[in-house]
PDB file of N, CA and C in Angstrom:
ATOM      1  N   MET A   1     -92.292  20.899 -13.381  1.00  0.00           N
ATOM      2  CA  MET A   1     -92.546  22.332 -13.282  1.00  0.00           C
ATOM      3  C   MET A   1     -92.446  22.380 -14.473  1.00  0.00           C
ATOM      4  N   LYS A   2     -93.260  23.546 -15.649  1.00  0.00           N
ATOM      5  CA  LYS A   2     -93.521  24.001 -16.380  1.00  0.00           C
ATOM      6  C   LYS A   2     -92.220  24.230 -17.050  1.00  0.00           C
ATOM      7  N   ASN A   3     -92.118  24.507 -18.585  1.00  0.00           N
ATOM      8  CA  ASN A   3     -91.027  25.336 -19.380  1.00  0.00           C
ATOM      9  C   ASN A   3     -91.334  26.928 -18.966  1.00  0.00           C
ATOM     10  N   ASP A   4     -92.338  26.849 -19.074  1.00  0.00           N
ATOM     11  CA  ASP A   4     -92.894  28.703 -18.189  1.00  0.00           C
ATOM     12  C   ASP A   4     -91.600  29.128 -17.351  1.00  0.00           C
ATOM     13  N   GLU A   5     -92.271  28.284 -16.021  1.00  0.00           N
ATOM     14  CA  GLU A   5     -91.845  28.626 -14.489  1.00  0.00           C
ATOM     15  C   GLU A   5     -90.625  28.266 -14.257  1.00  0.00           C
ATOM     16  N   LEU A   6     -89.778  27.192 -14.951  1.00  0.00           N
ATOM     17  CA  LEU A   6     -88.219  27.209 -15.053  1.00  0.00           C
ATOM     18  C   LEU A   6     -87.897  28.474 -15.513  1.00  0.00           C
ATOM     19  N   ALA A   7     -88.082  28.960 -16.782  1.00  0.00           N
ATOM     20  CA  ALA A   7     -87.742  30.368 -17.195  1.00  0.00           C
ATOM     21  C   ALA A   7     -87.629  31.537 -16.287  1.00  0.00           C
ATOM     22  N   SER A   8     -88.845  31.456 -15.613  1.00  0.00           N
ATOM     23  CA  SER A   8     -89.123  32.661 -14.479  1.00  0.00           C
ATOM     24  C   SER A   8     -88.483  32.614 -13.284  1.00  0.00           C
ATOM     25  N   PHE A   9     -88.539  31.178 -12.831  1.00  0.00           N
ATOM     26  CA  PHE A   9     -87.791  31.180 -11.772  1.00  0.00           C
ATOM     27  C   PHE A   9     -85.817  31.113 -12.052  1.00  0.00           C
ATOM     28  N   GLY A  10     -85.596  30.591 -13.004  1.00  0.00           N
ATOM     29  CA  GLY A  10     -84.131  30.903 -13.599  1.00  0.00           C
ATOM     30  C   GLY A  10     -83.789  31.894 -13.419  1.00  0.00           C
ATOM     31  N   ILE A  11     -84.494  32.884 -14.365  1.00  0.00           N
ATOM     32  CA  ILE A  11     -83.820  34.210 -14.354  1.00  0.00           C
ATOM     33  C   ILE A  11     -84.420  34.933 -13.472  1.00  0.00           C
ATOM     34  N   ARG A  12     -85.136  35.563 -12.175  1.00  0.00           N
ATOM     35  CA  ARG A  12     -85.657  35.622 -11.158  1.00  0.00           C
ATOM     36  C   ARG A  12     -83.930  35.454 -10.144  1.00  0.00           C
ATOM     37  N   ALA A  13     -83.565  33.879 -10.079  1.00  0.00           N
ATOM     38  CA  ALA A  13     -82.619  33.777  -9.489  1.00  0.00           C
ATOM     39  C   ALA A  13     -81.796  33.925  -9.777  1.00  0.00           C
ATOM     40  N   TYR A  14     -80.758  34.407 -11.701  1.00  0.00           N
ATOM     41  CA  TYR A  14     -79.746  35.058 -11.827  1.00  0.00           C
ATOM     42  C   TYR A  14     -79.828  36.614 -11.492  1.00  0.00           C
ATOM     43  N   GLN A  15     -81.342  37.097 -11.921  1.00  0.00           N
ATOM     44  CA  GLN A  15     -80.972  38.521 -11.521  1.00  0.00           C
ATOM     45  C   GLN A  15     -80.502  38.798  -9.690  1.00  0.00           C
ATOM     46  N   SER A  16     -81.412  37.951  -8.983  1.00  0.00           N
ATOM     47  CA  SER A  16     -80.792  37.869  -7.350  1.00  0.00           C
ATOM     48  C   SER A  16     -79.897  38.362  -7.033  1.00  0.00           C
ATOM     49  N   GLY A  17     -78.987  37.145  -7.619  1.00  0.00           N
ATOM     50  CA  GLY A  17     -77.727  36.473  -7.415  1.00  0.00           C
ATOM     51  C   GLY A  17     -77.392  35.266  -7.344  1.00  0.00           C
ATOM     52  N   ASP A  18     -78.023  34.537  -7.187  1.00  0.00           N
ATOM     53  CA  ASP A  18     -78.307  32.957  -6.713  1.00  0.00           C
ATOM     54  C   ASP A  18     -78.280  31.924  -7.694  1.00  0.00           C
ATOM     55  N   TYR A  19     -76.943  32.189  -8.285  1.00  0.00           N
ATOM     56  CA  TYR A  19     -76.902  31.769  -9.466  1.00  0.00           C
ATOM     57  C   TYR A  19     -76.766  30.287  -9.470  1.00  0.00           C
ATOM     58  N   THR A  20     -76.515  29.599  -8.702  1.00  0.00           N
ATOM     59  CA  THR A  20     -76.596  27.795  -8.134  1.00  0.00           C
ATOM     60  C   THR A  20     -78.000  27.663  -8.393  1.00  0.00           C
ATOM     61  N   THR A  21     -79.033  28.538  -7.929  1.00  0.00           N
ATOM     62  CA  THR A  21     -80.492  28.132  -7.899  1.00  0.00           C
ATOM     63  C   THR A  21     -80.828  28.380 -10.108  1.00  0.00           C
ATOM     64  N   ALA A  22     -80.856  29.266  -9.788  1.00  0.00           N
ATOM     65  CA  ALA A  22     -80.058  29.854 -11.770  1.00  0.00           C
ATOM     66  C   ALA A  22     -79.813  28.714 -12.781  1.00  0.00           C
ATOM     67  N   ILE A  23     -78.744  27.804 -12.435  1.00  0.00           N
ATOM     68  CA  ILE A  23     -78.327  27.178 -12.850  1.00  0.00           C
ATOM     69  C   ILE A  23     -78.891  25.860 -12.835  1.00  0.00           C
ATOM     70  N   SER A  24     -79.638  25.533 -12.016  1.00  0.00           N
ATOM     71  CA  SER A  24     -80.820  25.319 -11.872  1.00  0.00           C
ATOM     72  C   SER A  24     -81.493  24.418 -12.569  1.00  0.00           C
ATOM     73  N   HIS A  25     -82.146  25.421 -12.264  1.00  0.00           N
ATOM     74  CA  HIS A  25     -83.551  25.781 -13.236  1.00  0.00           C
ATOM     75  C   HIS A  25     -83.316  25.653 -14.698  1.00  0.00           C
ATOM     76  N   LEU A  26     -82.088  26.472 -15.145  1.00  0.00           N
ATOM     77  CA  LEU A  26     -82.163  27.077 -16.459  1.00  0.00           C
ATOM     78  C   LEU A  26     -81.286  25.788 -17.378  1.00  0.00           C
ATOM     79  N   HIS A  27     -80.656  24.883 -16.630  1.00  0.00           N
ATOM     80  CA  HIS A  27     -80.389  23.566 -17.014  1.00  0.00           C
ATOM     81  C   HIS A  27     -80.985  22.761 -17.057  1.00  0.00           C
ATOM     82  N   GLU A  28     -82.057  22.456 -16.385  1.00  0.00           N
ATOM     83  CA  GLU A  28     -83.114  22.053 -16.961  1.00  0.00           C
ATOM     84  C   GLU A  28     -84.049  21.987 -17.966  1.00  0.00           C
ATOM     85  N   LEU A  29     -84.150  23.238 -18.001  1.00  0.00           N
ATOM     86  CA  LEU A  29     -84.929  23.743 -19.447  1.00  0.00           C
ATOM     87  C   LEU A  29     -84.686  23.744 -20.546  1.00  0.00           C
ATOM     88  N   VAL A  30     -83.226  23.697 -20.551  1.00  0.00           N
ATOM     89  CA  VAL A  30     -82.274  24.300 -22.115  1.00  0.00           C
ATOM     90  C   VAL A  30     -82.119  22.989 -22.036  1.00  0.00           C
ATOM     91  N   THR A  31     -82.356  22.065 -21.333  1.00  0.00           N
ATOM     92  CA  THR A  31     -81.933  20.566 -21.905  1.00  0.00           C
ATOM     93  C   THR A  31     -83.157  19.584 -22.520  1.00  0.00           C
ATOM     94  N   ARG A  32     -84.562  20.493 -21.902  1.00  0.00           N
ATOM     95  CA  ARG A  32     -86.154  20.219 -22.604  1.00  0.00           C
ATOM     96  C   ARG A  32     -85.568  21.180 -23.646  1.00  0.00           C
ATOM     97  N   GLU A  33     -85.172  22.358 -24.002  1.00  0.00           N
ATOM     98  CA  GLU A  33     -85.972  22.930 -24.975  1.00  0.00           C
ATOM     99  C   GLU A  33     -84.396  24.129 -25.334  1.00  0.00           C
ATOM    100  N   PRO A  34     -83.562  23.038 -26.116  1.00  0.00           N
ATOM    101  CA  PRO A  34     -82.448  23.750 -26.844  1.00  0.00           C
ATOM    102  C   PRO A  34     -82.459  24.963 -27.343  1.00  0.00           C
ATOM    103  N   GLN A  35     -83.651  25.272 -27.850  1.00  0.00           N
ATOM    104  CA  GLN A  35     -82.968  26.670 -28.600  1.00  0.00           C
ATOM    105  C   GLN A  35     -83.541  27.781 -27.902  1.00  0.00           C
ATOM    106  N   LEU A  36     -83.704  27.722 -26.443  1.00  0.00           N
ATOM    107  CA  LEU A  36     -84.466  28.606 -25.935  1.00  0.00           C
ATOM    108  C   LEU A  36     -83.270  29.990 -25.625  1.00  0.00           C
ATOM    109  N   TRP A  37     -82.669  30.568 -26.127  1.00  0.00           N
ATOM    110  CA  TRP A  37     -81.550  30.677 -26.883  1.00  0.00           C
ATOM    111  C   TRP A  37     -81.036  32.173 -25.549  1.00  0.00           C
ATOM    112  N   THR A  38     -82.156  32.636 -25.198  1.00  0.00           N
ATOM    113  CA  THR A  38     -81.948  34.008 -24.104  1.00  0.00           C
ATOM    114  C   THR A  38     -81.856  33.115 -22.687  1.00  0.00           C
ATOM    115  N   CYS A  39     -82.118  31.983 -22.497  1.00  0.00           N
ATOM    116  CA  CYS A  39     -82.022  31.223 -21.031  1.00  0.00           C
ATOM    117  C   CYS A  39     -80.847  30.696 -21.318  1.00  0.00           C
ATOM    118  N   ARG A  40     -80.450  29.965 -22.449  1.00  0.00           N
ATOM    119  CA  ARG A  40     -78.965  29.452 -22.212  1.00  0.00           C
ATOM    120  C   ARG A  40     -77.780  30.688 -21.819  1.00  0.00           C
ATOM    121  N   LEU A  41     -78.157  31.994 -22.607  1.00  0.00           N
ATOM    122  CA  LEU A  41     -77.566  32.974 -22.202  1.00  0.00           C
ATOM    123  C   LEU A  41     -77.483  33.373 -20.875  1.00  0.00           C
ATOM    124  N   TYR A  42     -78.551  33.513 -20.439  1.00  0.00           N
ATOM    125  CA  TYR A  42     -78.485  33.017 -18.620  1.00  0.00           C
ATOM    126  C   TYR A  42     -77.948  32.137 -17.997  1.00  0.00           C
ATOM    127  N   LEU A  43     -78.084  31.179 -17.990  1.00  0.00           N
ATOM    128  CA  LEU A  43     -77.305  29.963 -17.685  1.00  0.00           C
ATOM    129  C   LEU A  43     -75.657  30.059 -18.009  1.00  0.00           C
ATOM    130  N   ALA A  44     -75.199  30.141 -18.713  1.00  0.00           N
ATOM    131  CA  ALA A  44     -73.733  30.785 -19.573  1.00  0.00           C
ATOM    132  C   ALA A  44     -74.055  31.781 -18.378  1.00  0.00           C
ATOM    133  N   MET A  45     -73.978  33.082 -18.014  1.00  0.00           N
ATOM    134  CA  MET A  45     -73.653  33.947 -17.082  1.00  0.00           C
ATOM    135  C   MET A  45     -73.687  33.045 -16.309  1.00  0.00           C
ATOM    136  N   SER A  46     -74.746  32.452 -15.220  1.00  0.00           N
ATOM    137  CA  SER A  46     -74.878  31.334 -14.049  1.00  0.00           C
ATOM    138  C   SER A  46     -73.416  30.947 -13.957  1.00  0.00           C
ATOM    139  N   TYR A  47     -72.962  30.281 -14.671  1.00  0.00           N
ATOM    140  CA  TYR A  47     -71.752  29.191 -14.360  1.00  0.00           C
ATOM    141  C   TYR A  47     -70.450  30.133 -14.229  1.00  0.00           C
ATOM    142  N   GLN A  48     -70.488  31.372 -14.915  1.00  0.00           N
ATOM    143  CA  GLN A  48     -69.757  32.000 -14.892  1.00  0.00           C
ATOM    144  C   GLN A  48     -69.198  32.791 -14.000  1.00  0.00           C
ATOM    145  N   TYR A  49     -70.453  32.893 -13.042  1.00  0.00           N
ATOM    146  CA  TYR A  49     -70.716  33.330 -12.496  1.00  0.00           C
ATOM    147  C   TYR A  49     -70.002  33.216 -10.651  1.00  0.00           C
ATOM    148  N   GLU A  50     -70.283  31.230 -10.955  1.00  0.00           N
ATOM    149  CA  GLU A  50     -70.276  30.645 -10.234  1.00  0.00           C
ATOM    150  C   GLU A  50     -68.841  29.706  -9.838  1.00  0.00           C
ATOM    151  N   GLY A  51     -68.062  30.641 -10.992  1.00  0.00           N
ATOM    152  CA  GLY A  51     -66.890  29.923 -11.569  1.00  0.00           C
ATOM    153  C   GLY A  51     -66.748  28.887 -12.104  1.00  0.00           C
ATOM    154  N   GLN A  52     -67.456  28.115 -13.626  1.00  0.00           N
ATOM    155  CA  GLN A  52     -67.742  27.137 -13.723  1.00  0.00           C
ATOM    156  C   GLN A  52     -67.427  27.388 -15.153  1.00  0.00           C
ATOM    157  N   THR A  53     -66.255  28.185 -15.594  1.00  0.00           N
ATOM    158  CA  THR A  53     -66.071  28.191 -16.810  1.00  0.00           C
ATOM    159  C   THR A  53     -65.885  27.775 -17.987  1.00  0.00           C
ATOM    160  N   ASN A  54     -65.270  26.719 -17.812  1.00  0.00           N
ATOM    161  CA  ASN A  54     -65.483  25.137 -18.952  1.00  0.00           C
ATOM    162  C   ASN A  54     -66.830  25.329 -19.555  1.00  0.00           C
ATOM    163  N   LEU A  55     -68.100  24.868 -18.458  1.00  0.00           N
ATOM    164  CA  LEU A  55     -69.216  25.165 -19.025  1.00  0.00           C
ATOM    165  C   LEU A  55     -69.702  26.267 -19.427  1.00  0.00           C
ATOM    166  N   ALA A  56     -69.589  27.744 -18.877  1.00  0.00           N
ATOM    167  CA  ALA A  56     -70.330  28.981 -19.587  1.00  0.00           C
ATOM    168  C   ALA A  56     -69.347  28.578 -21.037  1.00  0.00           C
ATOM    169  N   ARG A  57     -68.071  28.719 -21.307  1.00  0.00           N
ATOM    170  CA  ARG A  57     -67.634  28.958 -22.428  1.00  0.00           C
ATOM    171  C   ARG A  57     -68.116  28.100 -23.139  1.00  0.00           C
ATOM    172  N   GLU A  58     -68.641  26.205 -23.226  1.00  0.00           N
ATOM    173  CA  GLU A  58     -69.226  25.456 -23.615  1.00  0.00           C
ATOM    174  C   GLU A  58     -70.770  26.103 -24.221  1.00  0.00           C
ATOM    175  N   GLU A  59     -71.526  26.835 -23.278  1.00  0.00           N
ATOM    176  CA  GLU A  59     -72.852  27.403 -23.396  1.00  0.00           C
ATOM    177  C   GLU A  59     -73.040  28.573 -24.629  1.00  0.00           C
ATOM    178  N   LEU A  60     -71.467  29.078 -24.519  1.00  0.00           N
ATOM    179  CA  LEU A  60     -71.575  30.584 -25.311  1.00  0.00           C
ATOM    180  C   LEU A  60     -71.293  30.063 -26.394  1.00  0.00           C
ATOM    181  N   THR A  61     -70.357  28.933 -26.829  1.00  0.00           N
ATOM    182  CA  THR A  61     -69.652  28.603 -28.049  1.00  0.00           C
ATOM    183  C   THR A  61     -71.512  27.875 -28.957  1.00  0.00           C
ATOM    184  N   THR A  62     -71.878  27.493 -28.019  1.00  0.00           N
ATOM    185  CA  THR A  62     -73.528  26.842 -28.933  1.00  0.00           C
ATOM    186  C   THR A  62     -73.864  27.697 -29.079  1.00  0.00           C
ATOM    187  N   LEU A  63     -74.185  28.714 -28.368  1.00  0.00           N
ATOM    188  CA  LEU A  63     -74.484  29.984 -28.752  1.00  0.00           C
ATOM    189  C   LEU A  63     -74.496  30.749 -30.124  1.00  0.00           C
ATOM    190  N   SER A  64     -73.133  31.039 -30.024  1.00  0.00           N
ATOM    191  CA  SER A  64     -72.456  31.831 -30.792  1.00  0.00           C
ATOM    192  C   SER A  64     -72.353  30.851 -32.239  1.00  0.00           C
ATOM    193  N   GLU A  65     -72.353  29.974 -31.918  1.00  0.00           N
ATOM    194  CA  GLU A  65     -72.996  29.141 -33.688  1.00  0.00           C
ATOM    195  C   GLU A  65     -74.064  28.917 -33.835  1.00  0.00           C
ATOM    196  N   TRP A  66     -75.134  28.596 -33.239  1.00  0.00           N
ATOM    197  CA  TRP A  66     -76.772  28.642 -33.221  1.00  0.00           C
ATOM    198  C   TRP A  66     -77.288  29.406 -33.126  1.00  0.00           C
ATOM    199  N   ALA A  67     -77.689  30.287 -32.053  1.00  0.00           N
ATOM    200  CA  ALA A  67     -78.319  31.016 -31.798  1.00  0.00           C
ATOM    201  C   ALA A  67     -78.375  31.633 -32.807  1.00  0.00           C
ATOM    202  N   THR A  68     -80.329  31.717 -33.617  1.00  0.00           N
ATOM    203  CA  THR A  68     -81.210  32.436 -34.615  1.00  0.00           C
ATOM    204  C   THR A  68     -81.273  33.851 -34.691  1.00  0.00           C
ATOM    205  N   ASP A  69     -81.065  34.178 -33.197  1.00  0.00           N
ATOM    206  CA  ASP A  69     -81.334  35.757 -32.702  1.00  0.00           C
ATOM    207  C   ASP A  69     -79.884  36.181 -32.307  1.00  0.00           C
ATOM    208  N   GLN A  70     -79.689  37.427 -33.198  1.00  0.00           N
ATOM    209  CA  GLN A  70     -78.302  37.825 -33.320  1.00  0.00           C
ATOM    210  C   GLN A  70     -77.882  39.150 -32.214  1.00  0.00           C
ATOM    211  N   SER A  71     -78.513  38.981 -32.179  1.00  0.00           N
ATOM    212  CA  SER A  71     -78.110  40.090 -30.821  1.00  0.00           C
ATOM    213  C   SER A  71     -77.723  39.681 -29.422  1.00  0.00           C
ATOM    214  N   ILE A  72     -78.259  37.878 -29.066  1.00  0.00           N
ATOM    215  CA  ILE A  72     -77.983  36.846 -28.638  1.00  0.00           C
ATOM    216  C   ILE A  72     -76.284  36.595 -28.999  1.00  0.00           C
ATOM    217  N   ARG A  73     -76.281  36.265 -30.259  1.00  0.00           N
ATOM    218  CA  ARG A  73     -74.927  35.679 -30.742  1.00  0.00           C
ATOM    219  C   ARG A  73     -74.041  36.662 -30.436  1.00  0.00           C
ATOM    220  N   ALA A  74     -74.022  38.068 -30.407  1.00  0.00           N
ATOM    221  CA  ALA A  74     -73.342  38.936 -30.175  1.00  0.00           C
ATOM    222  C   ALA A  74     -72.974  38.829 -29.113  1.00  0.00           C
ATOM    223  N   LYS A  75     -74.009  38.873 -28.191  1.00  0.00           N
ATOM    224  CA  LYS A  75     -74.003  38.642 -26.948  1.00  0.00           C
ATOM    225  C   LYS A  75     -72.932  37.505 -26.207  1.00  0.00           C
ATOM    226  N   ALA A  76     -72.974  36.104 -26.243  1.00  0.00           N
ATOM    227  CA  ALA A  76     -72.441  35.324 -26.432  1.00  0.00           C
ATOM    228  C   ALA A  76     -70.534  35.257 -26.957  1.00  0.00           C
ATOM    229  N   LEU A  77     -70.418  36.041 -28.409  1.00  0.00           N
ATOM    230  CA  LEU A  77     -69.118  36.036 -28.829  1.00  0.00           C
ATOM    231  C   LEU A  77     -68.554  37.110 -27.954  1.00  0.00           C
ATOM    232  N   ALA A  78     -69.173  38.252 -27.699  1.00  0.00           N
ATOM    233  CA  ALA A  78     -68.148  38.979 -26.210  1.00  0.00           C
ATOM    234  C   ALA A  78     -68.238  38.350 -25.086  1.00  0.00           C
ATOM    235  N   GLY A  79     -68.969  37.834 -24.594  1.00  0.00           N
ATOM    236  CA  GLY A  79     -68.903  36.822 -23.457  1.00  0.00           C
ATOM    237  C   GLY A  79     -67.481  35.822 -23.812  1.00  0.00           C
ATOM    238  N   LEU A  80     -67.549  35.279 -24.800  1.00  0.00           N
ATOM    239  CA  LEU A  80     -66.421  34.541 -25.089  1.00  0.00           C
ATOM    240  C   LEU A  80     -65.054  34.915 -25.056  1.00  0.00           C
ATOM    241  N   ARG A  81     -65.259  36.391 -25.827  1.00  0.00           N
ATOM    242  CA  ARG A  81     -63.754  37.222 -25.362  1.00  0.00           C
ATOM    243  C   ARG A  81     -63.201  37.379 -24.493  1.00  0.00           C
ATOM    244  N   ALA A  82     -64.227  38.240 -23.314  1.00  0.00           N
ATOM    245  CA  ALA A  82     -64.252  38.488 -21.949  1.00  0.00           C
ATOM    246  C   ALA A  82     -63.341  37.190 -21.402  1.00  0.00           C
ATOM    247  N   ILE A  83     -64.219  35.549 -21.147  1.00  0.00           N
ATOM    248  CA  ILE A  83     -63.460  34.604 -21.085  1.00  0.00           C
ATOM    249  C   ILE A  83     -61.982  34.370 -21.646  1.00  0.00           C
ATOM    250  N   ASN A  84     -61.735  34.330 -22.356  1.00  0.00           N
ATOM    251  CA  ASN A  84     -60.570  34.017 -22.916  1.00  0.00           C
ATOM    252  C   ASN A  84     -59.327  35.264 -22.717  1.00  0.00           C
ATOM    253  N   ALA A  85     -59.603  36.715 -22.599  1.00  0.00           N
ATOM    254  CA  ALA A  85     -59.026  37.789 -21.644  1.00  0.00           C
ATOM    255  C   ALA A  85     -58.408  37.047 -20.918  1.00  0.00           C
ATOM    256  N   LEU A  86     -59.425  36.443 -20.322  1.00  0.00           N
ATOM    257  CA  LEU A  86     -59.188  36.446 -18.373  1.00  0.00           C
ATOM    258  C   LEU A  86     -57.982  34.887 -18.944  1.00  0.00           C
ATOM    259  N   LYS A  87     -58.176  34.224 -19.328  1.00  0.00           N
ATOM    260  CA  LYS A  87     -57.911  32.928 -19.409  1.00  0.00           C
ATOM    261  C   LYS A  87     -56.384  33.547 -20.084  1.00  0.00           C
ATOM    262  N   SER A  88     -55.967  33.937 -20.998  1.00  0.00           N
ATOM    263  CA  SER A  88     -54.727  35.128 -21.388  1.00  0.00           C
ATOM    264  C   SER A  88     -53.472  35.317 -20.424  1.00  0.00           C
ATOM    265  N   ASN A  89     -54.964  36.347 -19.327  1.00  0.00           N
ATOM    266  CA  ASN A  89     -54.074  37.870 -18.615  1.00  0.00           C
ATOM    267  C   ASN A  89     -53.640  36.710 -17.295  1.00  0.00           C
ATOM    268  N   HIS A  90     -54.182  35.637 -16.717  1.00  0.00           N
ATOM    269  CA  HIS A  90     -53.652  34.659 -15.796  1.00  0.00           C
ATOM    270  C   HIS A  90     -52.404  33.654 -16.545  1.00  0.00           C
ATOM    271  N   HIS A  91     -52.327  33.592 -16.939  1.00  0.00           N
ATOM    272  CA  HIS A  91     -51.643  32.664 -17.760  1.00  0.00           C
ATOM    273  C   HIS A  91     -50.024  33.405 -18.303  1.00  0.00           C
ATOM    274  N   SER A  92     -50.151  34.833 -18.253  1.00  0.00           N
ATOM    275  CA  SER A  92     -48.929  35.932 -18.572  1.00  0.00           C
ATOM    276  C   SER A  92     -49.023  36.381 -17.107  1.00  0.00           C
ATOM    277  N   ARG A  93     -49.188  35.648 -16.291  1.00  0.00           N
ATOM    278  CA  ARG A  93     -48.612  36.208 -14.785  1.00  0.00           C
ATOM    279  C   ARG A  93     -47.440  35.654 -15.021  1.00  0.00           C
ATOM    280  N   VAL A  94     -46.503  36.380 -13.764  1.00  0.00           N
ATOM    281  CA  VAL A  94     -45.219  35.961 -13.524  1.00  0.00           C
ATOM    282  C   VAL A  94     -45.324  35.791 -12.008  1.00  0.00           C
ATOM    283  N   PRO A  95     -45.361  34.585 -11.695  1.00  0.00           N
ATOM    284  CA  PRO A  95     -45.203  34.811  -9.755  1.00  0.00           C
ATOM    285  C   PRO A  95     -44.335  35.628  -9.670  1.00  0.00           C
ATOM    286  N   SER A  96     -43.991  36.013  -8.154  1.00  0.00           N
ATOM    287  CA  SER A  96     -42.809  36.949  -7.651  1.00  0.00           C
ATOM    288  C   SER A  96     -42.486  36.199  -6.402  1.00  0.00           C
TER     289      SER A  96
END
């Protein structure tokens, strides 16, 4: 599949809630073209929705450090803060 098709199918899959398909297409795409920042963001969000928090964190960290698009970088940082807040809340719970 061509890169533009992978991007289109991956983003459409994400938008329709089919995160497994989104991950499949977007992972292949960013492996080929690592600097497709928007696609990497969709990939990170797909990982998060699928409960693959560590992979989401890896993608968001890459985006926050390397993305040349400041809007994408800001969204990645917000995503990292949200993941860290969830992790922090989960660890602070006291079982009853």
